Amino acid sequence: MDPRKVTTFIKLAAAIVDKAASVEQALEKTAAAVNAKIPTVVDVLIARGHILPTEKDAAATALANPLHALTILERIAGNPAPVPTLGSEEKTASAISGGSQVTGTRPKAWGNMERALGVT
């Protein structure tokens, strides 16, 4: 076996390993940045009336999945919910029926997360 070919092979293998390590570091850095951004995005979704505050954890989980995050973005871009304002409230089902659950009103823009986010 030609020693030059062996040396070339070893150098190429080392370069591949180095490149793979740098790609892995870049992916980890990107994943950390995405995970750090999710709470802010969830807070904005709540503030804009796209989800209920009680759906915060489920929304964070959905946003961690790239396919779900793109689906959420697509649905919001196609049908933005208005920012709730005074006078734009509707009675909740519990308030209308006089049920024993929590009663009150909520902005019309709020809907359940499955409808608003398209995540089932």
PDB file of N, CA and C in Angstrom:
ATOM      1  N   MET A   1       0.857  -1.171   0.000  1.00  0.00           N
ATOM      2  CA  MET A   1       0.000   0.000   0.000  1.00  0.00           C
ATOM      3  C   MET A   1       0.905   1.238   0.000  1.00  0.00           C
ATOM      4  N   ASP A   2       0.499   2.225  -0.772  1.00  0.00           N
ATOM      5  CA  ASP A   2       1.281   3.451  -0.916  1.00  0.00           C
ATOM      6  C   ASP A   2       1.124   4.317   0.346  1.00  0.00           C
ATOM      7  N   PRO A   3       2.234   4.635   1.044  1.00  0.00           N
ATOM      8  CA  PRO A   3       2.151   5.438   2.260  1.00  0.00           C
ATOM      9  C   PRO A   3       1.557   6.827   2.011  1.00  0.00           C
ATOM     10  N   ARG A   4       1.734   7.381   0.824  1.00  0.00           N
ATOM     11  CA  ARG A   4       1.165   8.708   0.526  1.00  0.00           C
ATOM     12  C   ARG A   4      -0.360   8.651   0.481  1.00  0.00           C
ATOM     13  N   LYS A   5      -0.896   7.566  -0.048  1.00  0.00           N
ATOM     14  CA  LYS A   5      -2.349   7.410  -0.097  1.00  0.00           C
ATOM     15  C   LYS A   5      -2.917   7.250   1.309  1.00  0.00           C
ATOM     16  N   VAL A   6      -2.217   6.519   2.130  1.00  0.00           N
ATOM     17  CA  VAL A   6      -2.652   6.340   3.515  1.00  0.00           C
ATOM     18  C   VAL A   6      -2.629   7.685   4.244  1.00  0.00           C
ATOM     19  N   THR A   7      -1.561   8.443   4.045  1.00  0.00           N
ATOM     20  CA  THR A   7      -1.445   9.760   4.686  1.00  0.00           C
ATOM     21  C   THR A   7      -2.550  10.691   4.189  1.00  0.00           C
ATOM     22  N   THR A   8      -2.821  10.685   2.892  1.00  0.00           N
ATOM     23  CA  THR A   8      -3.889  11.510   2.322  1.00  0.00           C
ATOM     24  C   THR A   8      -5.244  11.101   2.895  1.00  0.00           C
ATOM     25  N   PHE A   9      -5.471   9.793   2.995  1.00  0.00           N
ATOM     26  CA  PHE A   9      -6.720   9.295   3.555  1.00  0.00           C
ATOM     27  C   PHE A   9      -6.894   9.755   5.006  1.00  0.00           C
ATOM     28  N   ILE A  10      -5.841   9.667   5.790  1.00  0.00           N
ATOM     29  CA  ILE A  10      -5.903  10.080   7.196  1.00  0.00           C
ATOM     30  C   ILE A  10      -6.202  11.573   7.302  1.00  0.00           C
ATOM     31  N   LYS A  11      -5.564  12.376   6.457  1.00  0.00           N
ATOM     32  CA  LYS A  11      -5.809  13.823   6.475  1.00  0.00           C
ATOM     33  C   LYS A  11      -7.257  14.142   6.081  1.00  0.00           C
ATOM     34  N   LEU A  12      -7.764  13.451   5.065  1.00  0.00           N
ATOM     35  CA  LEU A  12      -9.150  13.674   4.659  1.00  0.00           C
ATOM     36  C   LEU A  12     -10.127  13.252   5.758  1.00  0.00           C
ATOM     37  N   ALA A  13      -9.849  12.119   6.379  1.00  0.00           N
ATOM     38  CA  ALA A  13     -10.711  11.651   7.472  1.00  0.00           C
ATOM     39  C   ALA A  13     -10.709  12.644   8.631  1.00  0.00           C
ATOM     40  N   ALA A  14      -9.556  13.186   8.963  1.00  0.00           N
ATOM     41  CA  ALA A  14      -9.458  14.179  10.035  1.00  0.00           C
ATOM     42  C   ALA A  14     -10.232  15.440   9.673  1.00  0.00           C
ATOM     43  N   ALA A  15     -10.160  15.859   8.414  1.00  0.00           N
ATOM     44  CA  ALA A  15     -10.892  17.048   7.963  1.00  0.00           C
ATOM     45  C   ALA A  15     -12.399  16.825   8.047  1.00  0.00           C
ATOM     46  N   ILE A  16     -12.837  15.629   7.700  1.00  0.00           N
ATOM     47  CA  ILE A  16     -14.263  15.294   7.780  1.00  0.00           C
ATOM     48  C   ILE A  16     -14.736  15.321   9.230  1.00  0.00           C
ATOM     49  N   VAL A  17     -13.959  14.764  10.121  1.00  0.00           N
ATOM     50  CA  VAL A  17     -14.315  14.755  11.543  1.00  0.00           C
ATOM     51  C   VAL A  17     -14.374  16.182  12.086  1.00  0.00           C
ATOM     52  N   ASP A  18     -13.402  17.014  11.714  1.00  0.00           N
ATOM     53  CA  ASP A  18     -13.400  18.408  12.158  1.00  0.00           C
ATOM     54  C   ASP A  18     -14.629  19.158  11.642  1.00  0.00           C
ATOM     55  N   LYS A  19     -14.969  18.948  10.384  1.00  0.00           N
ATOM     56  CA  LYS A  19     -16.134  19.606   9.790  1.00  0.00           C
ATOM     57  C   LYS A  19     -17.412  19.142  10.473  1.00  0.00           C
ATOM     58  N   ALA A  20     -17.519  17.854  10.731  1.00  0.00           N
ATOM     59  CA  ALA A  20     -18.703  17.325  11.412  1.00  0.00           C
ATOM     60  C   ALA A  20     -18.842  17.927  12.804  1.00  0.00           C
ATOM     61  N   ALA A  21     -17.741  18.093  13.510  1.00  0.00           N
ATOM     62  CA  ALA A  21     -17.777  18.684  14.839  1.00  0.00           C
ATOM     63  C   ALA A  21     -18.228  20.147  14.777  1.00  0.00           C
ATOM     64  N   SER A  22     -17.761  20.888  13.782  1.00  0.00           N
ATOM     65  CA  SER A  22     -18.170  22.290  13.674  1.00  0.00           C
ATOM     66  C   SER A  22     -19.636  22.414  13.275  1.00  0.00           C
ATOM     67  N   VAL A  23     -20.120  21.513  12.430  1.00  0.00           N
ATOM     68  CA  VAL A  23     -21.537  21.510  12.065  1.00  0.00           C
ATOM     69  C   VAL A  23     -22.389  21.183  13.283  1.00  0.00           C
ATOM     70  N   GLU A  24     -21.958  20.201  14.072  1.00  0.00           N
ATOM     71  CA  GLU A  24     -22.695  19.835  15.278  1.00  0.00           C
ATOM     72  C   GLU A  24     -22.752  21.008  16.262  1.00  0.00           C
ATOM     73  N   GLN A  25     -21.647  21.724  16.430  1.00  0.00           N
ATOM     74  CA  GLN A  25     -21.634  22.893  17.312  1.00  0.00           C
ATOM     75  C   GLN A  25     -22.582  23.969  16.809  1.00  0.00           C
ATOM     76  N   ALA A  26     -22.606  24.192  15.510  1.00  0.00           N
ATOM     77  CA  ALA A  26     -23.503  25.195  14.928  1.00  0.00           C
ATOM     78  C   ALA A  26     -24.964  24.807  15.146  1.00  0.00           C
ATOM     79  N   LEU A  27     -25.287  23.526  14.976  1.00  0.00           N
ATOM     80  CA  LEU A  27     -26.655  23.052  15.204  1.00  0.00           C
ATOM     81  C   LEU A  27     -27.060  23.207  16.659  1.00  0.00           C
ATOM     82  N   GLU A  28     -26.154  22.892  17.574  1.00  0.00           N
ATOM     83  CA  GLU A  28     -26.446  23.048  19.003  1.00  0.00           C
ATOM     84  C   GLU A  28     -26.667  24.515  19.362  1.00  0.00           C
ATOM     85  N   LYS A  29     -25.854  25.396  18.788  1.00  0.00           N
ATOM     86  CA  LYS A  29     -25.991  26.832  19.041  1.00  0.00           C
ATOM     87  C   LYS A  29     -27.338  27.338  18.514  1.00  0.00           C
ATOM     88  N   THR A  30     -27.718  26.895  17.321  1.00  0.00           N
ATOM     89  CA  THR A  30     -29.004  27.295  16.748  1.00  0.00           C
ATOM     90  C   THR A  30     -30.162  26.767  17.584  1.00  0.00           C
ATOM     91  N   ALA A  31     -30.080  25.517  18.013  1.00  0.00           N
ATOM     92  CA  ALA A  31     -31.141  24.935  18.840  1.00  0.00           C
ATOM     93  C   ALA A  31     -31.289  25.697  20.156  1.00  0.00           C
ATOM     94  N   ALA A  32     -30.182  26.081  20.757  1.00  0.00           N
ATOM     95  CA  ALA A  32     -30.235  26.844  22.003  1.00  0.00           C
ATOM     96  C   ALA A  32     -30.886  28.210  21.775  1.00  0.00           C
ATOM     97  N   ALA A  33     -30.563  28.852  20.657  1.00  0.00           N
ATOM     98  CA  ALA A  33     -31.161  30.154  20.350  1.00  0.00           C
ATOM     99  C   ALA A  33     -32.661  30.026  20.109  1.00  0.00           C
ATOM    100  N   VAL A  34     -33.072  28.970  19.415  1.00  0.00           N
ATOM    101  CA  VAL A  34     -34.500  28.738  19.174  1.00  0.00           C
ATOM    102  C   VAL A  34     -35.218  28.500  20.493  1.00  0.00           C
ATOM    103  N   ASN A  35     -34.674  27.643  21.345  1.00  0.00           N
ATOM    104  CA  ASN A  35     -35.307  27.346  22.625  1.00  0.00           C
ATOM    105  C   ASN A  35     -35.393  28.578  23.518  1.00  0.00           C
ATOM    106  N   ALA A  36     -34.422  29.465  23.422  1.00  0.00           N
ATOM    107  CA  ALA A  36     -34.446  30.693  24.217  1.00  0.00           C
ATOM    108  C   ALA A  36     -35.515  31.660  23.710  1.00  0.00           C
ATOM    109  N   LYS A  37     -35.842  31.590  22.427  1.00  0.00           N
ATOM    110  CA  LYS A  37     -36.811  32.506  21.812  1.00  0.00           C
ATOM    111  C   LYS A  37     -38.257  32.059  22.024  1.00  0.00           C
ATOM    112  N   ILE A  38     -38.487  30.785  22.261  1.00  0.00           N
ATOM    113  CA  ILE A  38     -39.847  30.255  22.364  1.00  0.00           C
ATOM    114  C   ILE A  38     -40.686  30.965  23.425  1.00  0.00           C
ATOM    115  N   PRO A  39     -40.200  31.196  24.650  1.00  0.00           N
ATOM    116  CA  PRO A  39     -41.048  31.878  25.636  1.00  0.00           C
ATOM    117  C   PRO A  39     -41.512  33.268  25.187  1.00  0.00           C
ATOM    118  N   THR A  40     -40.655  33.998  24.510  1.00  0.00           N
ATOM    119  CA  THR A  40     -41.037  35.321  24.010  1.00  0.00           C
ATOM    120  C   THR A  40     -42.127  35.210  22.953  1.00  0.00           C
ATOM    121  N   VAL A  41     -41.976  34.250  22.055  1.00  0.00           N
ATOM    122  CA  VAL A  41     -42.974  34.053  21.005  1.00  0.00           C
ATOM    123  C   VAL A  41     -44.314  33.651  21.615  1.00  0.00           C
ATOM    124  N   VAL A  42     -44.299  32.780  22.598  1.00  0.00           N
ATOM    125  CA  VAL A  42     -45.534  32.363  23.265  1.00  0.00           C
ATOM    126  C   VAL A  42     -46.205  33.571  23.929  1.00  0.00           C
ATOM    127  N   ASP A  43     -45.417  34.412  24.580  1.00  0.00           N
ATOM    128  CA  ASP A  43     -45.982  35.613  25.208  1.00  0.00           C
ATOM    129  C   ASP A  43     -46.633  36.531  24.179  1.00  0.00           C
ATOM    130  N   VAL A  44     -46.024  36.657  23.005  1.00  0.00           N
ATOM    131  CA  VAL A  44     -46.610  37.479  21.943  1.00  0.00           C
ATOM    132  C   VAL A  44     -47.904  36.848  21.430  1.00  0.00           C
ATOM    133  N   LEU A  45     -47.922  35.529  21.267  1.00  0.00           N
ATOM    134  CA  LEU A  45     -49.153  34.849  20.839  1.00  0.00           C
ATOM    135  C   LEU A  45     -50.281  35.099  21.831  1.00  0.00           C
ATOM    136  N   ILE A  46     -49.962  35.089  23.113  1.00  0.00           N
ATOM    137  CA  ILE A  46     -50.965  35.371  24.140  1.00  0.00           C
ATOM    138  C   ILE A  46     -51.404  36.831  24.056  1.00  0.00           C
ATOM    139  N   ALA A  47     -50.445  37.741  23.975  1.00  0.00           N
ATOM    140  CA  ALA A  47     -50.762  39.168  23.940  1.00  0.00           C
ATOM    141  C   ALA A  47     -51.615  39.539  22.733  1.00  0.00           C
ATOM    142  N   ARG A  48     -51.402  38.872  21.614  1.00  0.00           N
ATOM    143  CA  ARG A  48     -52.154  39.172  20.395  1.00  0.00           C
ATOM    144  C   ARG A  48     -53.459  38.388  20.289  1.00  0.00           C
ATOM    145  N   GLY A  49     -53.756  37.565  21.280  1.00  0.00           N
ATOM    146  CA  GLY A  49     -55.022  36.847  21.296  1.00  0.00           C
ATOM    147  C   GLY A  49     -55.066  35.603  20.438  1.00  0.00           C
ATOM    148  N   HIS A  50     -53.921  35.096  20.029  1.00  0.00           N
ATOM    149  CA  HIS A  50     -53.906  33.876  19.216  1.00  0.00           C
ATOM    150  C   HIS A  50     -54.106  32.629  20.072  1.00  0.00           C
ATOM    151  N   ILE A  51     -53.696  32.679  21.319  1.00  0.00           N
ATOM    152  CA  ILE A  51     -53.882  31.552  22.244  1.00  0.00           C
ATOM    153  C   ILE A  51     -54.287  32.096  23.604  1.00  0.00           C
ATOM    154  N   LEU A  52     -54.847  31.237  24.421  1.00  0.00           N
ATOM    155  CA  LEU A  52     -55.198  31.584  25.799  1.00  0.00           C
ATOM    156  C   LEU A  52     -53.977  31.447  26.694  1.00  0.00           C
ATOM    157  N   PRO A  53     -53.918  32.210  27.765  1.00  0.00           N
ATOM    158  CA  PRO A  53     -52.796  32.067  28.698  1.00  0.00           C
ATOM    159  C   PRO A  53     -52.653  30.649  29.244  1.00  0.00           C
ATOM    160  N   THR A  54     -53.762  29.943  29.381  1.00  0.00           N
ATOM    161  CA  THR A  54     -53.709  28.570  29.894  1.00  0.00           C
ATOM    162  C   THR A  54     -53.092  27.595  28.894  1.00  0.00           C
ATOM    163  N   GLU A  55     -52.917  28.028  27.647  1.00  0.00           N
ATOM    164  CA  GLU A  55     -52.360  27.172  26.612  1.00  0.00           C
ATOM    165  C   GLU A  55     -50.870  27.421  26.387  1.00  0.00           C
ATOM    166  N   LYS A  56     -50.274  28.148  27.314  1.00  0.00           N
ATOM    167  CA  LYS A  56     -48.876  28.553  27.183  1.00  0.00           C
ATOM    168  C   LYS A  56     -47.930  27.354  27.025  1.00  0.00           C
ATOM    169  N   ASP A  57     -48.060  26.360  27.880  1.00  0.00           N
ATOM    170  CA  ASP A  57     -47.165  25.199  27.829  1.00  0.00           C
ATOM    171  C   ASP A  57     -47.344  24.400  26.546  1.00  0.00           C
ATOM    172  N   ALA A  58     -48.598  24.213  26.136  1.00  0.00           N
ATOM    173  CA  ALA A  58     -48.857  23.464  24.901  1.00  0.00           C
ATOM    174  C   ALA A  58     -48.305  24.207  23.693  1.00  0.00           C
ATOM    175  N   ALA A  59     -48.426  25.524  23.698  1.00  0.00           N
ATOM    176  CA  ALA A  59     -47.890  26.312  22.584  1.00  0.00           C
ATOM    177  C   ALA A  59     -46.367  26.222  22.534  1.00  0.00           C
ATOM    178  N   ALA A  60     -45.722  26.272  23.691  1.00  0.00           N
ATOM    179  CA  ALA A  60     -44.260  26.158  23.733  1.00  0.00           C
ATOM    180  C   ALA A  60     -43.816  24.809  23.188  1.00  0.00           C
ATOM    181  N   THR A  61     -44.537  23.757  23.534  1.00  0.00           N
ATOM    182  CA  THR A  61     -44.217  22.429  23.022  1.00  0.00           C
ATOM    183  C   THR A  61     -44.396  22.379  21.508  1.00  0.00           C
ATOM    184  N   ALA A  62     -45.480  22.968  21.016  1.00  0.00           N
ATOM    185  CA  ALA A  62     -45.726  22.973  19.571  1.00  0.00           C
ATOM    186  C   ALA A  62     -44.654  23.761  18.836  1.00  0.00           C
ATOM    187  N   LEU A  63     -44.216  24.886  19.397  1.00  0.00           N
ATOM    188  CA  LEU A  63     -43.205  25.708  18.737  1.00  0.00           C
ATOM    189  C   LEU A  63     -41.832  25.041  18.704  1.00  0.00           C
ATOM    190  N   ALA A  64     -41.589  24.102  19.593  1.00  0.00           N
ATOM    191  CA  ALA A  64     -40.306  23.397  19.607  1.00  0.00           C
ATOM    192  C   ALA A  64     -40.173  22.439  18.423  1.00  0.00           C
ATOM    193  N   ASN A  65     -41.290  22.096  17.811  1.00  0.00           N
ATOM    194  CA  ASN A  65     -41.299  21.222  16.640  1.00  0.00           C
ATOM    195  C   ASN A  65     -41.297  22.111  15.394  1.00  0.00           C
ATOM    196  N   PRO A  66     -40.267  22.029  14.543  1.00  0.00           N
ATOM    197  CA  PRO A  66     -40.193  22.928  13.382  1.00  0.00           C
ATOM    198  C   PRO A  66     -41.416  22.870  12.463  1.00  0.00           C
ATOM    199  N   LEU A  67     -41.972  21.695  12.236  1.00  0.00           N
ATOM    200  CA  LEU A  67     -43.142  21.581  11.368  1.00  0.00           C
ATOM    201  C   LEU A  67     -44.345  22.286  11.991  1.00  0.00           C
ATOM    202  N   HIS A  68     -44.553  22.077  13.293  1.00  0.00           N
ATOM    203  CA  HIS A  68     -45.659  22.752  13.975  1.00  0.00           C
ATOM    204  C   HIS A  68     -45.441  24.260  14.001  1.00  0.00           C
ATOM    205  N   ALA A  69     -44.194  24.683  14.208  1.00  0.00           N
ATOM    206  CA  ALA A  69     -43.902  26.117  14.235  1.00  0.00           C
ATOM    207  C   ALA A  69     -44.237  26.760  12.894  1.00  0.00           C
ATOM    208  N   LEU A  70     -43.888  26.102  11.805  1.00  0.00           N
ATOM    209  CA  LEU A  70     -44.219  26.640  10.479  1.00  0.00           C
ATOM    210  C   LEU A  70     -45.724  26.627  10.232  1.00  0.00           C
ATOM    211  N   THR A  71     -46.413  25.606  10.714  1.00  0.00           N
ATOM    212  CA  THR A  71     -47.868  25.545  10.579  1.00  0.00           C
ATOM    213  C   THR A  71     -48.512  26.686  11.351  1.00  0.00           C
ATOM    214  N   ILE A  72     -48.009  26.948  12.553  1.00  0.00           N
ATOM    215  CA  ILE A  72     -48.520  28.065  13.353  1.00  0.00           C
ATOM    216  C   ILE A  72     -48.294  29.384  12.612  1.00  0.00           C
ATOM    217  N   LEU A  73     -47.109  29.576  12.100  1.00  0.00           N
ATOM    218  CA  LEU A  73     -46.783  30.798  11.364  1.00  0.00           C
ATOM    219  C   LEU A  73     -47.679  30.955  10.143  1.00  0.00           C
ATOM    220  N   GLU A  74     -47.889  29.874   9.426  1.00  0.00           N
ATOM    221  CA  GLU A  74     -48.737  29.918   8.233  1.00  0.00           C
ATOM    222  C   GLU A  74     -50.160  30.326   8.584  1.00  0.00           C
ATOM    223  N   ARG A  75     -50.710  29.737   9.642  1.00  0.00           N
ATOM    224  CA  ARG A  75     -52.089  30.038  10.027  1.00  0.00           C
ATOM    225  C   ARG A  75     -52.230  31.463  10.550  1.00  0.00           C
ATOM    226  N   ILE A  76     -51.257  31.919  11.315  1.00  0.00           N
ATOM    227  CA  ILE A  76     -51.328  33.283  11.846  1.00  0.00           C
ATOM    228  C   ILE A  76     -51.167  34.297  10.724  1.00  0.00           C
ATOM    229  N   ALA A  77     -50.258  34.034   9.799  1.00  0.00           N
ATOM    230  CA  ALA A  77     -50.050  34.955   8.679  1.00  0.00           C
ATOM    231  C   ALA A  77     -51.294  35.032   7.798  1.00  0.00           C
ATOM    232  N   GLY A  78     -51.996  33.935   7.672  1.00  0.00           N
ATOM    233  CA  GLY A  78     -53.188  33.908   6.842  1.00  0.00           C
ATOM    234  C   GLY A  78     -54.425  34.440   7.522  1.00  0.00           C
ATOM    235  N   ASN A  79     -54.425  34.482   8.846  1.00  0.00           N
ATOM    236  CA  ASN A  79     -55.602  34.905   9.592  1.00  0.00           C
ATOM    237  C   ASN A  79     -55.179  35.534  10.909  1.00  0.00           C
ATOM    238  N   PRO A  80     -54.579  36.726  10.877  1.00  0.00           N
ATOM    239  CA  PRO A  80     -54.112  37.323  12.127  1.00  0.00           C
ATOM    240  C   PRO A  80     -55.273  37.682  13.041  1.00  0.00           C
ATOM    241  N   ALA A  81     -55.103  37.365  14.303  1.00  0.00           N
ATOM    242  CA  ALA A  81     -56.110  37.725  15.301  1.00  0.00           C
ATOM    243  C   ALA A  81     -55.869  39.157  15.740  1.00  0.00           C
ATOM    244  N   PRO A  82     -56.935  39.934  15.880  1.00  0.00           N
ATOM    245  CA  PRO A  82     -56.747  41.306  16.345  1.00  0.00           C
ATOM    246  C   PRO A  82     -56.357  41.336  17.812  1.00  0.00           C
ATOM    247  N   VAL A  83     -55.708  42.409  18.201  1.00  0.00           N
ATOM    248  CA  VAL A  83     -55.399  42.597  19.615  1.00  0.00           C
ATOM    249  C   VAL A  83     -56.711  42.898  20.312  1.00  0.00           C
ATOM    250  N   PRO A  84     -57.056  42.160  21.378  1.00  0.00           N
ATOM    251  CA  PRO A  84     -58.319  42.401  22.067  1.00  0.00           C
ATOM    252  C   PRO A  84     -58.401  43.828  22.601  1.00  0.00           C
ATOM    253  N   THR A  85     -59.575  44.413  22.438  1.00  0.00           N
ATOM    254  CA  THR A  85     -59.802  45.755  22.946  1.00  0.00           C
ATOM    255  C   THR A  85     -61.050  45.754  23.800  1.00  0.00           C
ATOM    256  N   LEU A  86     -61.221  46.796  24.593  1.00  0.00           N
ATOM    257  CA  LEU A  86     -62.437  46.917  25.393  1.00  0.00           C
ATOM    258  C   LEU A  86     -63.634  46.980  24.456  1.00  0.00           C
ATOM    259  N   GLY A  87     -64.702  46.337  24.855  1.00  0.00           N
ATOM    260  CA  GLY A  87     -65.903  46.346  24.038  1.00  0.00           C
ATOM    261  C   GLY A  87     -65.929  45.265  22.977  1.00  0.00           C
ATOM    262  N   SER A  88     -64.862  44.465  22.861  1.00  0.00           N
ATOM    263  CA  SER A  88     -64.859  43.395  21.858  1.00  0.00           C
ATOM    264  C   SER A  88     -64.907  42.038  22.536  1.00  0.00           C
ATOM    265  N   GLU A  89     -65.652  41.980  23.628  1.00  0.00           N
ATOM    266  CA  GLU A  89     -65.704  40.739  24.388  1.00  0.00           C
ATOM    267  C   GLU A  89     -67.007  40.012  24.143  1.00  0.00           C
ATOM    268  N   GLU A  90     -66.971  38.710  24.350  1.00  0.00           N
ATOM    269  CA  GLU A  90     -68.173  37.905  24.253  1.00  0.00           C
ATOM    270  C   GLU A  90     -68.267  37.051  25.513  1.00  0.00           C
ATOM    271  N   LYS A  91     -69.455  36.655  25.843  1.00  0.00           N
ATOM    272  CA  LYS A  91     -69.643  35.801  27.010  1.00  0.00           C
ATOM    273  C   LYS A  91     -69.093  34.412  26.721  1.00  0.00           C
ATOM    274  N   THR A  92     -68.433  33.828  27.718  1.00  0.00           N
ATOM    275  CA  THR A  92     -67.983  32.448  27.549  1.00  0.00           C
ATOM    276  C   THR A  92     -69.177  31.528  27.715  1.00  0.00           C
ATOM    277  N   ALA A  93     -69.041  30.296  27.267  1.00  0.00           N
ATOM    278  CA  ALA A  93     -70.136  29.333  27.382  1.00  0.00           C
ATOM    279  C   ALA A  93     -70.546  29.162  28.833  1.00  0.00           C
ATOM    280  N   SER A  94     -69.594  29.161  29.733  1.00  0.00           N
ATOM    281  CA  SER A  94     -69.906  28.981  31.140  1.00  0.00           C
ATOM    282  C   SER A  94     -70.680  30.176  31.677  1.00  0.00           C
ATOM    283  N   ALA A  95     -70.322  31.376  31.257  1.00  0.00           N
ATOM    284  CA  ALA A  95     -71.012  32.571  31.729  1.00  0.00           C
ATOM    285  C   ALA A  95     -72.440  32.603  31.200  1.00  0.00           C
ATOM    286  N   ILE A  96     -72.640  32.133  29.963  1.00  0.00           N
ATOM    287  CA  ILE A  96     -73.969  32.138  29.368  1.00  0.00           C
ATOM    288  C   ILE A  96     -74.856  31.108  30.061  1.00  0.00           C
ATOM    289  N   SER A  97     -74.336  29.918  30.306  1.00  0.00           N
ATOM    290  CA  SER A  97     -75.143  28.841  30.878  1.00  0.00           C
ATOM    291  C   SER A  97     -75.294  28.959  32.385  1.00  0.00           C
ATOM    292  N   GLY A  98     -74.499  29.837  33.008  1.00  0.00           N
ATOM    293  CA  GLY A  98     -74.565  29.955  34.457  1.00  0.00           C
ATOM    294  C   GLY A  98     -73.969  28.759  35.156  1.00  0.00           C
ATOM    295  N   GLY A  99     -73.064  28.082  34.482  1.00  0.00           N
ATOM    296  CA  GLY A  99     -72.445  26.877  35.025  1.00  0.00           C
ATOM    297  C   GLY A  99     -71.619  27.158  36.260  1.00  0.00           C
ATOM    298  N   SER A 100     -71.200  26.097  36.903  1.00  0.00           N
ATOM    299  CA  SER A 100     -70.438  26.240  38.139  1.00  0.00           C
ATOM    300  C   SER A 100     -68.956  26.459  37.900  1.00  0.00           C
ATOM    301  N   GLN A 101     -68.536  26.367  36.641  1.00  0.00           N
ATOM    302  CA  GLN A 101     -67.137  26.619  36.337  1.00  0.00           C
ATOM    303  C   GLN A 101     -66.883  28.119  36.374  1.00  0.00           C
ATOM    304  N   VAL A 102     -65.628  28.486  36.163  1.00  0.00           N
ATOM    305  CA  VAL A 102     -65.272  29.897  36.153  1.00  0.00           C
ATOM    306  C   VAL A 102     -66.098  30.603  35.090  1.00  0.00           C
ATOM    307  N   THR A 103     -66.700  31.722  35.474  1.00  0.00           N
ATOM    308  CA  THR A 103     -67.500  32.469  34.517  1.00  0.00           C
ATOM    309  C   THR A 103     -66.846  33.805  34.244  1.00  0.00           C
ATOM    310  N   GLY A 104     -67.263  34.423  33.178  1.00  0.00           N
ATOM    311  CA  GLY A 104     -66.710  35.723  32.841  1.00  0.00           C
ATOM    312  C   GLY A 104     -66.750  35.944  31.351  1.00  0.00           C
ATOM    313  N   THR A 105     -65.917  36.855  30.897  1.00  0.00           N
ATOM    314  CA  THR A 105     -65.866  37.148  29.480  1.00  0.00           C
ATOM    315  C   THR A 105     -64.446  37.000  28.994  1.00  0.00           C
ATOM    316  N   ARG A 106     -64.286  36.883  27.713  1.00  0.00           N
ATOM    317  CA  ARG A 106     -62.959  36.836  27.114  1.00  0.00           C
ATOM    318  C   ARG A 106     -63.033  37.485  25.742  1.00  0.00           C
ATOM    319  N   PRO A 107     -61.935  37.981  25.223  1.00  0.00           N
ATOM    320  CA  PRO A 107     -61.956  38.620  23.908  1.00  0.00           C
ATOM    321  C   PRO A 107     -62.402  37.650  22.825  1.00  0.00           C
ATOM    322  N   LYS A 108     -63.121  38.172  21.829  1.00  0.00           N
ATOM    323  CA  LYS A 108     -63.584  37.338  20.723  1.00  0.00           C
ATOM    324  C   LYS A 108     -62.419  36.686  19.980  1.00  0.00           C
ATOM    325  N   ALA A 109     -61.267  37.362  19.983  1.00  0.00           N
ATOM    326  CA  ALA A 109     -60.111  36.845  19.248  1.00  0.00           C
ATOM    327  C   ALA A 109     -59.581  35.548  19.836  1.00  0.00           C
ATOM    328  N   TRP A 110     -59.910  35.258  21.080  1.00  0.00           N
ATOM    329  CA  TRP A 110     -59.396  34.050  21.703  1.00  0.00           C
ATOM    330  C   TRP A 110     -60.215  32.863  21.226  1.00  0.00           C
ATOM    331  N   GLY A 111     -59.536  31.824  20.909  1.00  0.00           N
ATOM    332  CA  GLY A 111     -60.190  30.571  20.555  1.00  0.00           C
ATOM    333  C   GLY A 111     -59.366  29.461  21.150  1.00  0.00           C
ATOM    334  N   ASN A 112     -59.791  28.239  20.964  1.00  0.00           N
ATOM    335  CA  ASN A 112     -58.959  27.175  21.518  1.00  0.00           C
ATOM    336  C   ASN A 112     -57.709  27.001  20.676  1.00  0.00           C
ATOM    337  N   MET A 113     -56.665  26.460  21.278  1.00  0.00           N
ATOM    338  CA  MET A 113     -55.367  26.393  20.608  1.00  0.00           C
ATOM    339  C   MET A 113     -55.419  25.509  19.369  1.00  0.00           C
ATOM    340  N   GLU A 114     -56.200  24.456  19.391  1.00  0.00           N
ATOM    341  CA  GLU A 114     -56.257  23.584  18.231  1.00  0.00           C
ATOM    342  C   GLU A 114     -56.730  24.355  17.000  1.00  0.00           C
ATOM    343  N   ARG A 115     -57.700  25.237  17.185  1.00  0.00           N
ATOM    344  CA  ARG A 115     -58.209  26.014  16.058  1.00  0.00           C
ATOM    345  C   ARG A 115     -57.225  27.108  15.685  1.00  0.00           C
ATOM    346  N   ALA A 116     -56.724  27.830  16.682  1.00  0.00           N
ATOM    347  CA  ALA A 116     -55.857  28.967  16.412  1.00  0.00           C
ATOM    348  C   ALA A 116     -54.507  28.537  15.840  1.00  0.00           C
ATOM    349  N   LEU A 117     -53.967  27.430  16.331  1.00  0.00           N
ATOM    350  CA  LEU A 117     -52.652  27.003  15.919  1.00  0.00           C
ATOM    351  C   LEU A 117     -52.664  25.880  14.903  1.00  0.00           C
ATOM    352  N   GLY A 118     -53.806  25.234  14.754  1.00  0.00           N
ATOM    353  CA  GLY A 118     -53.882  24.134  13.805  1.00  0.00           C
ATOM    354  C   GLY A 118     -53.115  22.912  14.267  1.00  0.00           C
ATOM    355  N   VAL A 119     -52.931  22.783  15.575  1.00  0.00           N
ATOM    356  CA  VAL A 119     -52.187  21.661  16.131  1.00  0.00           C
ATOM    357  C   VAL A 119     -53.180  20.761  16.845  1.00  0.00           C
ATOM    358  N   THR A 120     -53.170  19.484  16.495  1.00  0.00           N
ATOM    359  CA  THR A 120     -54.092  18.563  17.158  1.00  0.00           C
ATOM    360  C   THR A 120     -53.334  17.550  17.951  1.00  0.00           C
TER     361      THR A 120
END
